Each structure stands twice: as structure tokens, then as C-alpha cells.
Amino acid sequence: MNLYLFARLFTLTVLCVGFAFSLAAAGDLPQVGQKAPSVTLPSQDGSKVSLKDFRGKWVVLYFYPKDNTPGCTIEAHNFQRDLAKYQERNAVILGVSVDSSESHQDFCTKQSLTFKLLADTEKKVVAEYGSLSDRGFASRNTFLIDPKGKIVKVWTGVKPQEHSDDVLATLSELQKN
């Protein structure tokens, strides 16, 4: 192999590997066993909500693309439907999207939602949780966080219709152990 061809192949390989690493780093999801990254964001009523406020409770931190869209509405309705079951298990539901607090307030009013929806308009928390899509919305991912603040389960690309049932089943199983 001549030196010119070798140099071109080497350069191309380095560029491809570097690109792959940069993509992986940009979208890393926090993993099971890891301490949950901190979260402090405004909710639908404008008050600041922090993950640390819920130490001692299980937290279902779910990311969703957009208020008042069909899939997001189904997912939110199902969490609302099951809210008493979560409360019986010492768990809270926190939804996060890149929509504003005002959008969340409208969504909660229209859909009779009573759990907290957090507004990440700067997309920092969504990105920190590896959930920022290439379109600038949150991907449909969920993190179950134990009472000590550790991630115990991660769901990616969830199906809105069955997701709350899946989370409740996992929560029940984890609480048995």
C-alpha cells in the first residue's frame, strides 16, 4: 500500500471514530446504579421543583416531547389514572418537556392533570438525561429513581398506552426486594 493511500485511510478512520465518540457523548443516558443528575425546574404553577425535594420517595421522572399532542396526552392520562397507586407506593410523578410553564399550565387544565410538569425551556436537564432528540424535543424516556436518589430503571422510546402499567409493575417488583 502506498503512503498516500495509507494516510487517507488513517485520516478517514480517525474522523469516523471521533465522530462516533462525539455522538455517543452527546446522548449518553444516565445508567442504572448511578446517582440521578440534579433537577431544578419551574413547574406548571411557576414554582421551582427540585429532585432533592423528593428524597425518601420513589420518583418517576418521565420525559415527553410536547404538551397537548396525542401520545403525550395518553401517557399523561395514564399516569394521572394511576396516581393513587403511585402514591400508595410512596412514589411521585414528574413529567419534563421543553415546553414553557404556561404551556404546561394549559395542558394540565385541559387534561385535568394534578402531578407536576416541569419546564426545561433551556433544554439542559433534557440533555443531561440523554433525552434531547435531534429535533429539539425531549425523547420519550423515563427514569425510576429510588428514595436514596439512585436510578434503578431506565426506559427508552416508551409506548404511551402501556407505559404507566410497566412502571407500576417494575416499582412493585423492586419494592418486594
N, C-alpha and C. Protein backbone atom coordinates (compact mmCIF):
# COMPACT_ATOMS: atom_id res chain seq x y z
N MET A 1 0.86 -1.17 0.00
CA MET A 1 0.00 0.00 0.00
C MET A 1 0.91 1.23 0.00
N ASN A 2 0.58 2.16 -0.86
CA ASN A 2 1.45 3.33 -0.90
C ASN A 2 1.13 4.28 0.27
N LEU A 3 2.03 5.16 0.56
CA LEU A 3 1.94 6.05 1.71
C LEU A 3 0.73 6.99 1.60
N TYR A 4 0.42 7.47 0.42
CA TYR A 4 -0.71 8.38 0.23
C TYR A 4 -2.03 7.68 0.60
N LEU A 5 -2.24 6.46 0.13
CA LEU A 5 -3.46 5.72 0.42
C LEU A 5 -3.55 5.42 1.92
N PHE A 6 -2.44 5.04 2.52
CA PHE A 6 -2.41 4.77 3.95
C PHE A 6 -2.80 6.02 4.74
N ALA A 7 -2.25 7.15 4.38
CA ALA A 7 -2.55 8.41 5.08
C ALA A 7 -4.03 8.76 4.95
N ARG A 8 -4.60 8.57 3.79
CA ARG A 8 -6.03 8.87 3.58
C ARG A 8 -6.91 7.94 4.41
N LEU A 9 -6.60 6.66 4.41
CA LEU A 9 -7.37 5.70 5.20
C LEU A 9 -7.25 5.99 6.70
N PHE A 10 -6.05 6.31 7.14
CA PHE A 10 -5.83 6.63 8.54
C PHE A 10 -6.64 7.87 8.95
N THR A 11 -6.60 8.91 8.13
CA THR A 11 -7.34 10.14 8.41
C THR A 11 -8.84 9.88 8.46
N LEU A 12 -9.35 9.12 7.51
CA LEU A 12 -10.76 8.79 7.47
C LEU A 12 -11.17 7.99 8.71
N THR A 13 -10.35 7.05 9.12
CA THR A 13 -10.63 6.25 10.31
C THR A 13 -10.69 7.12 11.55
N VAL A 14 -9.72 8.01 11.71
CA VAL A 14 -9.69 8.91 12.86
C VAL A 14 -10.93 9.80 12.89
N LEU A 15 -11.32 10.32 11.74
CA LEU A 15 -12.52 11.17 11.67
C LEU A 15 -13.77 10.39 12.05
N CYS A 16 -13.91 9.17 11.54
CA CYS A 16 -15.09 8.36 11.85
C CYS A 16 -15.16 7.99 13.32
N VAL A 17 -14.05 7.60 13.90
CA VAL A 17 -14.03 7.24 15.31
C VAL A 17 -14.33 8.46 16.17
N GLY A 18 -13.74 9.59 15.84
CA GLY A 18 -14.00 10.82 16.58
C GLY A 18 -15.46 11.23 16.51
N PHE A 19 -16.05 11.10 15.34
CA PHE A 19 -17.46 11.45 15.15
C PHE A 19 -18.34 10.51 15.99
N ALA A 20 -18.04 9.24 15.98
CA ALA A 20 -18.82 8.27 16.75
C ALA A 20 -18.75 8.58 18.24
N PHE A 21 -17.54 8.90 18.74
CA PHE A 21 -17.42 9.24 20.16
C PHE A 21 -18.18 10.51 20.50
N SER A 22 -18.17 11.50 19.62
CA SER A 22 -18.88 12.74 19.91
C SER A 22 -20.38 12.50 19.94
N LEU A 23 -20.90 11.65 19.07
CA LEU A 23 -22.33 11.33 19.09
C LEU A 23 -22.70 10.61 20.37
N ALA A 24 -21.89 9.67 20.77
CA ALA A 24 -22.17 8.90 21.99
C ALA A 24 -22.16 9.82 23.21
N ALA A 25 -21.20 10.71 23.28
CA ALA A 25 -21.10 11.59 24.44
C ALA A 25 -22.26 12.56 24.52
N ALA A 26 -22.77 12.99 23.37
CA ALA A 26 -23.85 13.97 23.35
C ALA A 26 -25.16 13.38 23.82
N GLY A 27 -25.36 12.08 23.71
CA GLY A 27 -26.64 11.50 24.03
C GLY A 27 -26.59 10.41 25.08
N ASP A 28 -25.61 10.44 25.97
CA ASP A 28 -25.49 9.40 26.99
C ASP A 28 -26.64 9.49 27.98
N LEU A 29 -27.29 8.35 28.20
CA LEU A 29 -28.32 8.26 29.21
C LEU A 29 -27.67 7.93 30.55
N PRO A 30 -28.14 8.54 31.62
CA PRO A 30 -27.68 8.07 32.93
C PRO A 30 -28.06 6.60 33.07
N GLN A 31 -27.24 5.84 33.76
CA GLN A 31 -27.40 4.39 33.83
C GLN A 31 -27.92 3.93 35.19
N VAL A 32 -28.50 2.73 35.19
CA VAL A 32 -28.94 2.10 36.43
C VAL A 32 -27.76 2.02 37.38
N GLY A 33 -27.99 2.37 38.64
CA GLY A 33 -26.96 2.34 39.66
C GLY A 33 -26.28 3.69 39.88
N GLN A 34 -26.47 4.58 38.93
CA GLN A 34 -25.87 5.92 39.00
C GLN A 34 -26.77 6.84 39.82
N LYS A 35 -26.17 7.80 40.51
CA LYS A 35 -26.94 8.83 41.19
C LYS A 35 -27.65 9.67 40.12
N ALA A 36 -28.91 9.95 40.34
CA ALA A 36 -29.68 10.73 39.36
C ALA A 36 -29.12 12.15 39.29
N PRO A 37 -28.87 12.65 38.08
CA PRO A 37 -28.44 14.06 37.96
C PRO A 37 -29.47 14.99 38.58
N SER A 38 -28.99 16.08 39.17
CA SER A 38 -29.90 17.00 39.84
C SER A 38 -30.84 17.67 38.84
N VAL A 39 -32.00 18.00 39.34
CA VAL A 39 -33.03 18.66 38.54
C VAL A 39 -33.64 19.76 39.39
N THR A 40 -33.67 20.97 38.89
CA THR A 40 -34.45 22.05 39.48
C THR A 40 -35.02 22.85 38.32
N LEU A 41 -36.34 22.78 38.18
CA LEU A 41 -37.03 23.43 37.06
C LEU A 41 -38.36 23.99 37.54
N PRO A 42 -38.88 25.00 36.82
CA PRO A 42 -40.21 25.51 37.17
C PRO A 42 -41.31 24.52 36.73
N SER A 43 -42.35 24.45 37.56
CA SER A 43 -43.48 23.60 37.24
C SER A 43 -44.58 24.42 36.57
N GLN A 44 -45.72 23.78 36.35
CA GLN A 44 -46.83 24.45 35.68
C GLN A 44 -47.36 25.64 36.47
N ASP A 45 -47.14 25.67 37.78
CA ASP A 45 -47.61 26.83 38.56
C ASP A 45 -46.50 27.87 38.76
N GLY A 46 -45.35 27.63 38.15
CA GLY A 46 -44.24 28.59 38.23
C GLY A 46 -43.30 28.34 39.39
N SER A 47 -43.68 27.47 40.34
CA SER A 47 -42.80 27.19 41.48
C SER A 47 -41.65 26.30 41.04
N LYS A 48 -40.49 26.47 41.69
CA LYS A 48 -39.33 25.65 41.40
C LYS A 48 -39.50 24.29 42.07
N VAL A 49 -39.22 23.24 41.32
CA VAL A 49 -39.29 21.88 41.84
C VAL A 49 -37.91 21.25 41.66
N SER A 50 -37.40 20.66 42.74
CA SER A 50 -36.09 20.01 42.70
C SER A 50 -36.25 18.53 43.01
N LEU A 51 -35.46 17.73 42.33
CA LEU A 51 -35.45 16.30 42.58
C LEU A 51 -35.12 16.02 44.05
N LYS A 52 -34.22 16.81 44.61
CA LYS A 52 -33.81 16.59 46.01
C LYS A 52 -34.97 16.78 46.99
N ASP A 53 -36.02 17.50 46.58
CA ASP A 53 -37.19 17.69 47.44
C ASP A 53 -37.91 16.38 47.71
N PHE A 54 -37.64 15.37 46.90
CA PHE A 54 -38.36 14.11 47.00
C PHE A 54 -37.51 12.97 47.57
N ARG A 55 -36.38 13.31 48.23
CA ARG A 55 -35.58 12.27 48.89
C ARG A 55 -36.50 11.54 49.86
N GLY A 56 -36.36 10.24 49.91
CA GLY A 56 -37.22 9.42 50.75
C GLY A 56 -38.44 8.90 50.00
N LYS A 57 -38.61 9.35 48.76
CA LYS A 57 -39.70 8.87 47.91
C LYS A 57 -39.14 8.30 46.62
N TRP A 58 -39.90 7.43 46.00
CA TRP A 58 -39.58 6.97 44.65
C TRP A 58 -40.02 8.07 43.69
N VAL A 59 -39.26 8.29 42.64
CA VAL A 59 -39.60 9.31 41.65
C VAL A 59 -39.64 8.67 40.27
N VAL A 60 -40.75 8.91 39.58
CA VAL A 60 -40.88 8.55 38.17
C VAL A 60 -40.64 9.85 37.40
N LEU A 61 -39.45 9.96 36.83
CA LEU A 61 -39.07 11.16 36.07
C LEU A 61 -39.21 10.80 34.59
N TYR A 62 -40.29 11.32 33.99
CA TYR A 62 -40.52 10.95 32.59
C TYR A 62 -40.39 12.17 31.68
N PHE A 63 -39.74 11.94 30.56
CA PHE A 63 -39.52 12.96 29.54
C PHE A 63 -40.49 12.69 28.39
N TYR A 64 -41.08 13.76 27.88
CA TYR A 64 -42.04 13.59 26.79
C TYR A 64 -41.88 14.75 25.81
N PRO A 65 -42.26 14.54 24.55
CA PRO A 65 -41.99 15.54 23.51
C PRO A 65 -42.75 16.87 23.61
N LYS A 66 -44.09 16.82 23.76
CA LYS A 66 -44.83 18.08 23.60
C LYS A 66 -46.20 18.00 24.26
N ASP A 67 -46.57 19.08 24.95
CA ASP A 67 -47.90 19.19 25.55
C ASP A 67 -48.98 19.13 24.48
N ASN A 68 -50.12 18.58 24.88
CA ASN A 68 -51.33 18.58 24.04
C ASN A 68 -51.18 17.86 22.70
N THR A 69 -50.31 16.88 22.65
CA THR A 69 -50.21 16.05 21.45
C THR A 69 -50.76 14.66 21.82
N PRO A 70 -51.19 13.89 20.84
CA PRO A 70 -51.89 12.63 21.16
C PRO A 70 -51.13 11.66 22.06
N GLY A 71 -49.90 11.31 21.71
CA GLY A 71 -49.15 10.35 22.52
C GLY A 71 -48.85 10.87 23.91
N CYS A 72 -48.49 12.14 24.00
CA CYS A 72 -48.16 12.73 25.30
C CYS A 72 -49.40 12.84 26.18
N THR A 73 -50.54 13.09 25.56
CA THR A 73 -51.79 13.17 26.32
C THR A 73 -52.17 11.79 26.86
N ILE A 74 -52.03 10.76 26.05
CA ILE A 74 -52.32 9.39 26.50
C ILE A 74 -51.42 9.02 27.67
N GLU A 75 -50.13 9.28 27.52
CA GLU A 75 -49.17 8.94 28.58
C GLU A 75 -49.52 9.68 29.87
N ALA A 76 -49.79 10.97 29.77
CA ALA A 76 -50.13 11.77 30.96
C ALA A 76 -51.44 11.29 31.59
N HIS A 77 -52.45 10.99 30.78
CA HIS A 77 -53.72 10.48 31.31
C HIS A 77 -53.51 9.20 32.09
N ASN A 78 -52.67 8.32 31.56
CA ASN A 78 -52.44 7.05 32.25
C ASN A 78 -51.69 7.23 33.57
N PHE A 79 -50.73 8.14 33.60
CA PHE A 79 -50.07 8.44 34.88
C PHE A 79 -51.09 9.04 35.85
N GLN A 80 -51.95 9.92 35.36
CA GLN A 80 -52.97 10.53 36.22
C GLN A 80 -53.96 9.46 36.71
N ARG A 81 -54.38 8.58 35.83
CA ARG A 81 -55.30 7.48 36.18
C ARG A 81 -54.72 6.64 37.32
N ASP A 82 -53.40 6.40 37.28
CA ASP A 82 -52.74 5.54 38.24
C ASP A 82 -52.11 6.29 39.42
N LEU A 83 -52.36 7.57 39.52
CA LEU A 83 -51.67 8.40 40.52
C LEU A 83 -51.85 7.86 41.95
N ALA A 84 -53.05 7.43 42.30
CA ALA A 84 -53.29 6.90 43.65
C ALA A 84 -52.43 5.66 43.90
N LYS A 85 -52.25 4.83 42.88
CA LYS A 85 -51.41 3.62 43.02
C LYS A 85 -49.95 4.01 43.27
N TYR A 86 -49.50 5.06 42.58
CA TYR A 86 -48.13 5.54 42.82
C TYR A 86 -47.99 6.10 44.23
N GLN A 87 -48.98 6.86 44.66
CA GLN A 87 -48.94 7.44 46.00
C GLN A 87 -48.93 6.36 47.07
N GLU A 88 -49.69 5.27 46.85
CA GLU A 88 -49.68 4.14 47.79
C GLU A 88 -48.29 3.51 47.89
N ARG A 89 -47.51 3.64 46.83
CA ARG A 89 -46.17 3.06 46.79
C ARG A 89 -45.09 4.10 47.11
N ASN A 90 -45.51 5.24 47.69
CA ASN A 90 -44.57 6.30 48.09
C ASN A 90 -43.80 6.84 46.89
N ALA A 91 -44.51 7.02 45.77
CA ALA A 91 -43.87 7.50 44.54
C ALA A 91 -44.57 8.75 44.03
N VAL A 92 -43.76 9.61 43.40
CA VAL A 92 -44.29 10.82 42.75
C VAL A 92 -43.98 10.74 41.26
N ILE A 93 -44.81 11.42 40.49
CA ILE A 93 -44.64 11.51 39.04
C ILE A 93 -44.17 12.92 38.72
N LEU A 94 -43.09 13.04 37.94
CA LEU A 94 -42.62 14.33 37.44
C LEU A 94 -42.43 14.19 35.93
N GLY A 95 -43.18 14.98 35.17
CA GLY A 95 -43.03 14.99 33.73
C GLY A 95 -42.16 16.17 33.32
N VAL A 96 -41.33 15.97 32.29
CA VAL A 96 -40.43 17.04 31.82
C VAL A 96 -40.51 17.13 30.30
N SER A 97 -40.69 18.36 29.80
CA SER A 97 -40.57 18.62 28.37
C SER A 97 -39.91 19.98 28.20
N VAL A 98 -39.67 20.35 26.96
CA VAL A 98 -39.05 21.65 26.69
C VAL A 98 -40.10 22.76 26.54
N ASP A 99 -41.36 22.41 26.76
CA ASP A 99 -42.43 23.42 26.72
C ASP A 99 -42.33 24.36 27.92
N SER A 100 -42.98 25.50 27.84
CA SER A 100 -42.96 26.50 28.91
C SER A 100 -43.90 26.12 30.05
N SER A 101 -43.73 26.79 31.19
CA SER A 101 -44.64 26.61 32.32
C SER A 101 -46.08 26.94 31.92
N GLU A 102 -46.22 27.97 31.10
CA GLU A 102 -47.56 28.37 30.64
C GLU A 102 -48.19 27.27 29.79
N SER A 103 -47.42 26.67 28.92
CA SER A 103 -47.92 25.56 28.12
C SER A 103 -48.33 24.39 29.02
N HIS A 104 -47.49 24.11 30.04
CA HIS A 104 -47.81 23.04 30.98
C HIS A 104 -49.10 23.36 31.74
N GLN A 105 -49.26 24.61 32.15
CA GLN A 105 -50.48 25.01 32.88
C GLN A 105 -51.71 24.75 32.01
N ASP A 106 -51.63 25.13 30.74
CA ASP A 106 -52.74 24.91 29.80
C ASP A 106 -53.01 23.41 29.64
N PHE A 107 -51.96 22.63 29.48
CA PHE A 107 -52.07 21.17 29.31
C PHE A 107 -52.73 20.55 30.55
N CYS A 108 -52.27 20.95 31.74
CA CYS A 108 -52.82 20.41 32.98
C CYS A 108 -54.29 20.78 33.14
N THR A 109 -54.63 22.00 32.81
CA THR A 109 -56.02 22.45 32.91
C THR A 109 -56.92 21.68 31.94
N LYS A 110 -56.50 21.61 30.68
CA LYS A 110 -57.30 20.90 29.66
C LYS A 110 -57.46 19.43 29.96
N GLN A 111 -56.41 18.81 30.51
CA GLN A 111 -56.40 17.36 30.70
C GLN A 111 -56.62 16.92 32.15
N SER A 112 -56.89 17.87 33.04
CA SER A 112 -57.13 17.59 34.47
C SER A 112 -55.98 16.81 35.11
N LEU A 113 -54.77 17.28 34.85
CA LEU A 113 -53.57 16.65 35.42
C LEU A 113 -53.23 17.33 36.73
N THR A 114 -52.90 16.53 37.74
CA THR A 114 -52.60 17.11 39.06
C THR A 114 -51.15 16.89 39.51
N PHE A 115 -50.38 16.11 38.77
CA PHE A 115 -48.97 15.93 39.12
C PHE A 115 -48.15 17.03 38.45
N LYS A 116 -46.89 17.16 38.87
CA LYS A 116 -46.03 18.25 38.38
C LYS A 116 -45.48 17.97 36.99
N LEU A 117 -45.57 18.99 36.13
CA LEU A 117 -44.90 19.00 34.83
C LEU A 117 -43.85 20.10 34.91
N LEU A 118 -42.62 19.76 34.53
CA LEU A 118 -41.51 20.70 34.66
C LEU A 118 -41.08 21.23 33.30
N ALA A 119 -40.80 22.52 33.26
CA ALA A 119 -40.47 23.21 32.01
C ALA A 119 -38.96 23.37 31.88
N ASP A 120 -38.40 22.69 30.89
CA ASP A 120 -36.96 22.79 30.61
C ASP A 120 -36.76 23.51 29.28
N THR A 121 -37.12 24.78 29.26
CA THR A 121 -37.05 25.56 28.01
C THR A 121 -35.62 25.74 27.52
N GLU A 122 -34.65 25.65 28.43
CA GLU A 122 -33.25 25.77 28.01
C GLU A 122 -32.66 24.43 27.59
N LYS A 123 -33.41 23.37 27.78
CA LYS A 123 -33.06 22.00 27.33
C LYS A 123 -31.84 21.42 28.04
N LYS A 124 -31.47 21.97 29.17
CA LYS A 124 -30.27 21.50 29.88
C LYS A 124 -30.51 20.16 30.57
N VAL A 125 -31.61 20.04 31.30
CA VAL A 125 -31.90 18.80 32.02
C VAL A 125 -32.21 17.68 31.03
N VAL A 126 -33.00 18.01 29.99
CA VAL A 126 -33.32 17.02 28.97
C VAL A 126 -32.03 16.46 28.36
N ALA A 127 -31.09 17.34 28.07
CA ALA A 127 -29.80 16.90 27.50
C ALA A 127 -29.00 16.11 28.52
N GLU A 128 -28.98 16.56 29.78
CA GLU A 128 -28.21 15.86 30.80
C GLU A 128 -28.72 14.43 31.02
N TYR A 129 -30.00 14.23 30.77
CA TYR A 129 -30.58 12.89 30.88
C TYR A 129 -30.56 12.14 29.54
N GLY A 130 -29.78 12.65 28.58
CA GLY A 130 -29.63 11.96 27.31
C GLY A 130 -30.92 11.84 26.53
N SER A 131 -31.83 12.78 26.75
CA SER A 131 -33.16 12.66 26.18
C SER A 131 -33.52 13.77 25.20
N LEU A 132 -32.53 14.51 24.72
CA LEU A 132 -32.79 15.57 23.74
C LEU A 132 -32.71 14.97 22.34
N SER A 133 -33.82 15.03 21.63
CA SER A 133 -33.85 14.48 20.27
C SER A 133 -33.18 15.45 19.30
N ASP A 134 -32.86 14.95 18.13
CA ASP A 134 -32.23 15.81 17.12
C ASP A 134 -33.19 16.88 16.61
N ARG A 135 -34.47 16.76 16.90
CA ARG A 135 -35.46 17.78 16.51
C ARG A 135 -35.66 18.84 17.59
N GLY A 136 -34.94 18.70 18.71
CA GLY A 136 -35.01 19.71 19.77
C GLY A 136 -36.09 19.46 20.80
N PHE A 137 -36.80 18.34 20.69
CA PHE A 137 -37.80 17.96 21.68
C PHE A 137 -37.19 16.92 22.62
N ALA A 138 -37.89 16.66 23.72
CA ALA A 138 -37.48 15.57 24.60
C ALA A 138 -37.90 14.24 23.98
N SER A 139 -37.05 13.26 24.08
CA SER A 139 -37.40 11.90 23.67
C SER A 139 -38.24 11.27 24.79
N ARG A 140 -39.01 10.29 24.43
CA ARG A 140 -39.91 9.64 25.39
C ARG A 140 -39.13 8.60 26.21
N ASN A 141 -38.44 9.09 27.25
CA ASN A 141 -37.64 8.25 28.14
C ASN A 141 -38.10 8.45 29.58
N THR A 142 -37.93 7.43 30.39
CA THR A 142 -38.33 7.50 31.80
C THR A 142 -37.24 6.92 32.68
N PHE A 143 -37.07 7.54 33.84
CA PHE A 143 -36.09 7.11 34.84
C PHE A 143 -36.82 6.88 36.15
N LEU A 144 -36.68 5.69 36.69
CA LEU A 144 -37.22 5.40 38.02
C LEU A 144 -36.08 5.58 39.01
N ILE A 145 -36.31 6.46 39.98
CA ILE A 145 -35.28 6.85 40.94
C ILE A 145 -35.73 6.40 42.33
N ASP A 146 -34.83 5.72 43.04
CA ASP A 146 -35.20 5.19 44.36
C ASP A 146 -35.16 6.29 45.42
N PRO A 147 -35.63 5.99 46.64
CA PRO A 147 -35.69 7.03 47.69
C PRO A 147 -34.34 7.62 48.09
N LYS A 148 -33.24 6.96 47.72
CA LYS A 148 -31.91 7.49 48.02
C LYS A 148 -31.35 8.33 46.88
N GLY A 149 -32.10 8.44 45.78
CA GLY A 149 -31.65 9.27 44.65
C GLY A 149 -30.88 8.52 43.59
N LYS A 150 -30.95 7.19 43.60
CA LYS A 150 -30.22 6.38 42.63
C LYS A 150 -31.18 5.88 41.54
N ILE A 151 -30.72 5.89 40.30
CA ILE A 151 -31.52 5.38 39.19
C ILE A 151 -31.56 3.85 39.28
N VAL A 152 -32.78 3.31 39.26
CA VAL A 152 -32.94 1.86 39.37
C VAL A 152 -33.52 1.22 38.11
N LYS A 153 -34.07 2.04 37.22
CA LYS A 153 -34.61 1.52 35.96
C LYS A 153 -34.67 2.66 34.95
N VAL A 154 -34.35 2.32 33.68
CA VAL A 154 -34.42 3.29 32.59
C VAL A 154 -35.24 2.68 31.46
N TRP A 155 -36.21 3.44 30.97
CA TRP A 155 -36.98 3.05 29.80
C TRP A 155 -36.69 4.05 28.69
N THR A 156 -36.48 3.59 27.48
CA THR A 156 -36.29 4.49 26.34
C THR A 156 -37.32 4.18 25.27
N GLY A 157 -37.73 5.22 24.55
CA GLY A 157 -38.68 5.05 23.45
C GLY A 157 -39.94 4.33 23.88
N VAL A 158 -40.53 4.75 24.99
CA VAL A 158 -41.66 4.04 25.56
C VAL A 158 -42.93 4.16 24.71
N LYS A 159 -43.83 3.22 24.91
CA LYS A 159 -45.16 3.24 24.28
C LYS A 159 -46.12 3.88 25.27
N PRO A 160 -46.69 5.03 24.93
CA PRO A 160 -47.53 5.76 25.88
C PRO A 160 -48.70 4.96 26.45
N GLN A 161 -49.31 4.11 25.65
CA GLN A 161 -50.51 3.39 26.08
C GLN A 161 -50.25 2.44 27.24
N GLU A 162 -49.08 1.84 27.30
CA GLU A 162 -48.82 0.82 28.33
C GLU A 162 -47.74 1.22 29.33
N HIS A 163 -47.21 2.39 29.19
CA HIS A 163 -46.04 2.76 29.99
C HIS A 163 -46.31 2.84 31.49
N SER A 164 -47.39 3.46 31.90
CA SER A 164 -47.67 3.56 33.33
C SER A 164 -47.81 2.18 33.95
N ASP A 165 -48.45 1.26 33.25
CA ASP A 165 -48.58 -0.12 33.75
C ASP A 165 -47.20 -0.75 33.94
N ASP A 166 -46.29 -0.54 32.95
CA ASP A 166 -44.94 -1.08 33.03
C ASP A 166 -44.18 -0.51 34.23
N VAL A 167 -44.31 0.79 34.43
CA VAL A 167 -43.61 1.44 35.55
C VAL A 167 -44.14 0.93 36.88
N LEU A 168 -45.46 0.82 37.00
CA LEU A 168 -46.04 0.32 38.25
C LEU A 168 -45.60 -1.12 38.55
N ALA A 169 -45.56 -1.95 37.51
CA ALA A 169 -45.14 -3.34 37.71
C ALA A 169 -43.69 -3.39 38.18
N THR A 170 -42.83 -2.58 37.57
CA THR A 170 -41.41 -2.55 37.98
C THR A 170 -41.27 -2.01 39.39
N LEU A 171 -42.00 -0.96 39.71
CA LEU A 171 -41.94 -0.38 41.05
C LEU A 171 -42.38 -1.41 42.09
N SER A 172 -43.45 -2.11 41.81
CA SER A 172 -43.94 -3.14 42.75
C SER A 172 -42.90 -4.23 42.94
N GLU A 173 -42.29 -4.67 41.85
CA GLU A 173 -41.28 -5.72 41.93
C GLU A 173 -40.06 -5.26 42.74
N LEU A 174 -39.62 -4.04 42.50
CA LEU A 174 -38.45 -3.52 43.22
C LEU A 174 -38.75 -3.35 44.71
N GLN A 175 -39.97 -2.99 45.04
CA GLN A 175 -40.32 -2.78 46.45
C GLN A 175 -40.48 -4.10 47.21
N LYS A 176 -40.67 -5.21 46.50
CA LYS A 176 -40.73 -6.54 47.13
C LYS A 176 -39.36 -6.95 47.65
N ASN A 177 -38.33 -6.52 46.92
CA ASN A 177 -36.96 -6.97 47.25
C ASN A 177 -36.34 -6.20 48.36
